[in-house]
Protein backbone atom coordinates (compact mmCIF):
# COMPACT_ATOMS: atom_id res chain seq x y z
CA MET A 1 -15.99 -1.70 13.04
CA GLU A 2 -18.68 -3.70 11.33
CA ASN A 3 -20.69 -3.40 8.13
CA PHE A 4 -18.60 -0.91 6.26
CA PRO A 5 -19.04 -0.31 2.51
CA ALA A 6 -16.87 -1.99 -0.12
CA THR A 7 -13.64 -0.06 0.19
CA LEU A 8 -10.36 -0.07 -1.68
CA PHE A 9 -7.69 0.99 0.79
CA TYR A 10 -4.38 1.80 -0.87
CA THR A 11 -1.07 2.62 0.76
CA ILE A 12 1.08 5.69 0.35
CA GLY A 13 4.53 6.16 1.86
CA TYR A 14 8.24 5.74 1.49
CA PRO A 15 9.63 2.22 1.23
CA GLY A 16 10.13 1.27 4.89
CA SER A 17 7.40 3.62 6.14
CA GLY A 18 5.36 0.79 7.69
CA LYS A 19 2.78 0.28 4.93
CA THR A 20 2.89 -3.52 5.06
CA THR A 21 3.07 -3.74 8.84
CA PHE A 22 -0.02 -1.54 9.14
CA SER A 23 -1.78 -3.30 6.24
CA LEU A 24 -1.36 -6.77 7.75
CA GLN A 25 -2.73 -5.64 11.09
CA LEU A 26 -5.64 -3.79 9.47
CA LYS A 27 -6.38 -6.88 7.37
CA ARG A 28 -6.66 -8.99 10.53
CA LYS A 29 -8.73 -6.38 12.36
CA LEU A 30 -11.25 -5.79 9.54
CA GLY A 31 -11.11 -9.06 7.57
CA LEU A 32 -9.82 -7.39 4.41
CA VAL A 33 -8.31 -9.03 1.34
CA HIS A 34 -4.62 -8.08 1.36
CA LEU A 35 -3.00 -7.56 -2.04
CA TYR A 36 0.70 -7.26 -1.25
CA ALA A 37 2.78 -6.04 -4.21
CA ASP A 38 6.05 -7.63 -3.07
CA GLU A 39 4.43 -11.02 -2.55
CA ILE A 40 2.52 -10.93 -5.83
CA GLY A 41 5.72 -9.79 -7.57
CA VAL A 42 7.57 -12.83 -6.22
CA ASP A 43 4.70 -15.09 -7.31
CA ILE A 44 4.80 -13.70 -10.86
CA PHE A 45 8.51 -13.10 -11.45
CA ARG A 46 10.13 -15.35 -8.79
CA ILE A 47 13.04 -12.92 -8.34
CA PRO A 48 11.56 -9.56 -9.31
CA LYS A 49 13.75 -6.67 -10.41
CA PHE A 50 10.85 -4.25 -9.91
CA SER A 51 11.63 -2.57 -13.21
CA PRO A 52 9.07 -0.12 -14.61
CA GLN A 53 7.80 -2.87 -16.94
CA GLU A 54 7.45 -5.37 -14.09
CA ARG A 55 5.69 -2.78 -11.93
CA ARG A 56 3.26 -1.99 -14.75
CA TYR A 57 2.41 -5.68 -15.16
CA LEU A 58 2.21 -6.11 -11.39
CA TYR A 59 -0.21 -3.18 -11.00
CA GLU A 60 -2.39 -4.53 -13.84
CA GLU A 61 -2.61 -7.86 -12.02
CA MET A 62 -3.33 -6.20 -8.68
CA ASN A 63 -5.98 -3.97 -10.28
CA TRP A 64 -7.69 -7.02 -11.77
CA GLN A 65 -7.67 -8.81 -8.40
CA ALA A 66 -8.85 -5.72 -6.52
CA GLU A 67 -11.72 -5.13 -8.93
CA ASN A 68 -12.93 -8.72 -8.64
CA HIS A 69 -12.81 -8.68 -4.84
CA LEU A 70 -14.61 -5.33 -4.69
CA LYS A 71 -17.33 -6.64 -7.02
CA SER A 72 -17.88 -9.34 -4.39
CA ASP A 73 -18.31 -6.63 -1.72
CA LYS A 74 -15.01 -7.49 -0.07
CA GLY A 75 -12.83 -4.78 1.38
CA VAL A 76 -9.36 -4.71 -0.16
CA ILE A 77 -6.07 -3.32 1.03
CA TYR A 78 -3.79 -2.57 -1.92
CA ASP A 79 -0.37 -2.69 -0.32
CA ALA A 80 2.07 -1.07 -2.76
CA ASN A 81 3.94 2.19 -3.32
CA ILE A 82 0.98 4.26 -4.55
CA ASN A 83 3.04 7.40 -4.27
CA SER A 84 2.10 9.32 -7.41
CA LEU A 85 -1.08 11.20 -8.07
CA ALA A 86 -1.54 9.26 -11.33
CA LEU A 87 -1.50 5.90 -9.51
CA ARG A 88 -3.91 7.16 -6.86
CA ASN A 89 -6.29 8.56 -9.49
CA ASN A 90 -6.20 5.21 -11.29
CA LEU A 91 -7.26 3.39 -8.12
CA ARG A 92 -9.98 5.95 -7.42
CA SER A 93 -11.36 5.31 -10.93
CA LEU A 94 -11.20 1.57 -10.38
CA ALA A 95 -13.18 1.87 -7.14
CA LYS A 96 -15.74 4.17 -8.75
CA ARG A 97 -16.32 1.67 -11.60
CA VAL A 98 -17.45 -0.95 -9.09
CA ASP A 99 -19.34 1.42 -6.74
CA ALA A 100 -16.70 1.19 -4.02
CA ILE A 101 -14.93 3.85 -2.00
CA ALA A 102 -11.21 4.49 -2.44
CA VAL A 103 -9.31 5.54 0.68
CA GLY A 104 -5.59 6.32 0.79
CA LEU A 105 -3.66 5.28 3.86
CA TRP A 106 -0.65 7.59 4.09
CA LEU A 107 1.97 6.10 6.40
CA ASN A 108 3.87 9.28 7.14
CA THR A 109 7.30 8.29 8.41
CA PRO A 110 10.49 10.38 8.47
CA GLN A 111 12.81 9.36 5.63
CA GLU A 112 15.71 8.53 7.92
CA ILE A 113 13.56 6.04 9.88
CA ALA A 114 12.21 4.48 6.67
CA LEU A 115 15.74 4.09 5.27
CA GLU A 116 16.98 2.49 8.49
CA ARG A 117 14.13 -0.05 8.39
CA LEU A 118 15.14 -1.03 4.87
CA ARG A 119 18.55 -2.12 6.03
CA HIS A 120 17.00 -5.25 7.57
CA PRO A 121 16.45 -8.13 5.11
CA ARG A 122 12.93 -9.45 4.51
CA ARG A 123 12.06 -12.88 3.16
CA ILE A 124 8.97 -13.51 1.03
CA ARG A 125 8.25 -17.06 -0.12
CA GLY A 126 11.93 -17.92 0.33
CA VAL A 127 13.18 -14.91 -1.65
CA ILE A 128 15.14 -12.25 0.23
CA LEU A 129 13.70 -8.85 -0.56
CA ASN A 130 15.43 -5.96 1.01
CA ASN A 131 15.00 -2.64 -0.70
CA LEU A 132 18.63 -1.70 -0.10
CA ALA A 133 20.25 -5.10 -0.64
CA GLY A 134 18.11 -7.69 -2.41
CA ARG A 135 16.53 -5.83 -5.29
CA ASN A 136 19.71 -5.53 -7.35
CA ALA A 137 19.90 -1.89 -6.44
CA SER A 138 21.12 -0.11 -3.39
CA GLU A 139 19.69 3.23 -2.48
CA ARG A 140 18.91 3.76 -6.18
CA PHE A 141 15.75 1.69 -5.74
CA TYR A 142 14.65 3.91 -2.89
CA GLU A 143 15.39 7.00 -4.96
CA GLU A 144 13.55 5.60 -7.98
CA VAL A 145 10.44 4.77 -5.98
CA THR A 146 10.40 8.13 -4.25
CA LYS A 147 11.29 10.38 -7.21
CA ASN A 148 7.63 10.66 -8.25
CA TYR A 149 6.42 10.78 -4.67
CA THR A 150 3.61 13.30 -4.36
CA ILE A 151 2.59 14.17 -0.82
CA PRO A 152 -1.20 13.70 -0.70
CA LYS A 153 -1.93 16.82 1.35
CA ARG A 154 -4.87 18.26 -0.64
CA GLU A 155 -6.49 15.05 -1.86
CA SER A 156 -9.80 13.74 -0.59
CA ASN A 157 -10.23 10.47 1.27
CA ILE A 158 -6.67 10.31 2.54
CA ILE A 159 -5.98 9.19 6.10
CA GLU A 160 -2.61 10.31 7.42
CA ILE A 161 -1.19 7.83 9.91
CA SER A 162 2.14 8.07 11.71
CA GLY A 163 4.38 5.20 10.68
CA VAL A 164 6.15 5.25 14.05
CA LEU A 165 3.19 4.75 16.39
CA PRO A 166 2.07 1.34 17.66
CA PHE A 167 -0.87 -0.20 15.79
CA THR A 168 -3.35 0.48 18.61
CA GLU A 169 -2.67 4.21 18.25
CA GLN A 170 -2.62 4.04 14.45
CA TYR A 171 -5.96 2.25 14.46
CA LYS A 172 -7.60 4.96 16.58
CA VAL A 173 -6.53 7.58 14.02
CA PHE A 174 -7.67 5.34 11.16
CA GLU A 175 -11.07 4.53 12.69
CA LEU A 176 -11.95 8.13 13.46
CA ALA A 177 -10.97 9.38 9.99
CA TYR A 178 -12.58 6.45 8.14
CA LYS A 179 -15.89 6.99 9.95
CA LYS A 180 -15.85 10.63 8.78
CA ILE A 181 -15.23 9.50 5.19
CA ILE A 182 -18.08 6.97 5.10
CA GLY A 183 -20.44 9.21 7.04
């Protein structure tokens, strides 16, 4: 896909749903700027606790970065848990302010598969981040992140993608739906 409008792609899905895996591959395929919440959190806080205060600060930083990249006509993938309607509306407003399109990428993965994926440690810039082991919370973190989870069924500009398919299949779904969105 070439010559697409400035777009703010944001991710929706359970922790472990495949948001980052898909985001990294989409970044490579389309040449997007990838704003990865976990990585930015480590850069800011070194060993983040992902408390509500830290998340608020993190999202403010990511919003600032996203807005500046979009103003430069760069496509951005906002890789975070944008699971509440309020967060999604905030990103839609951000995109509108800079004449960009906001598109939600809903990685729809069964909870049991997402939870199993979280049992494997991840390392970011030397810091072990594992939603069930390394964030100073066990399954409570998962529960906290998902308690305000709003399934985006009736929202516009949402692309539902299976979090269990290989990227080639995910990309076909993405490409078809994104072309419909941008006309």
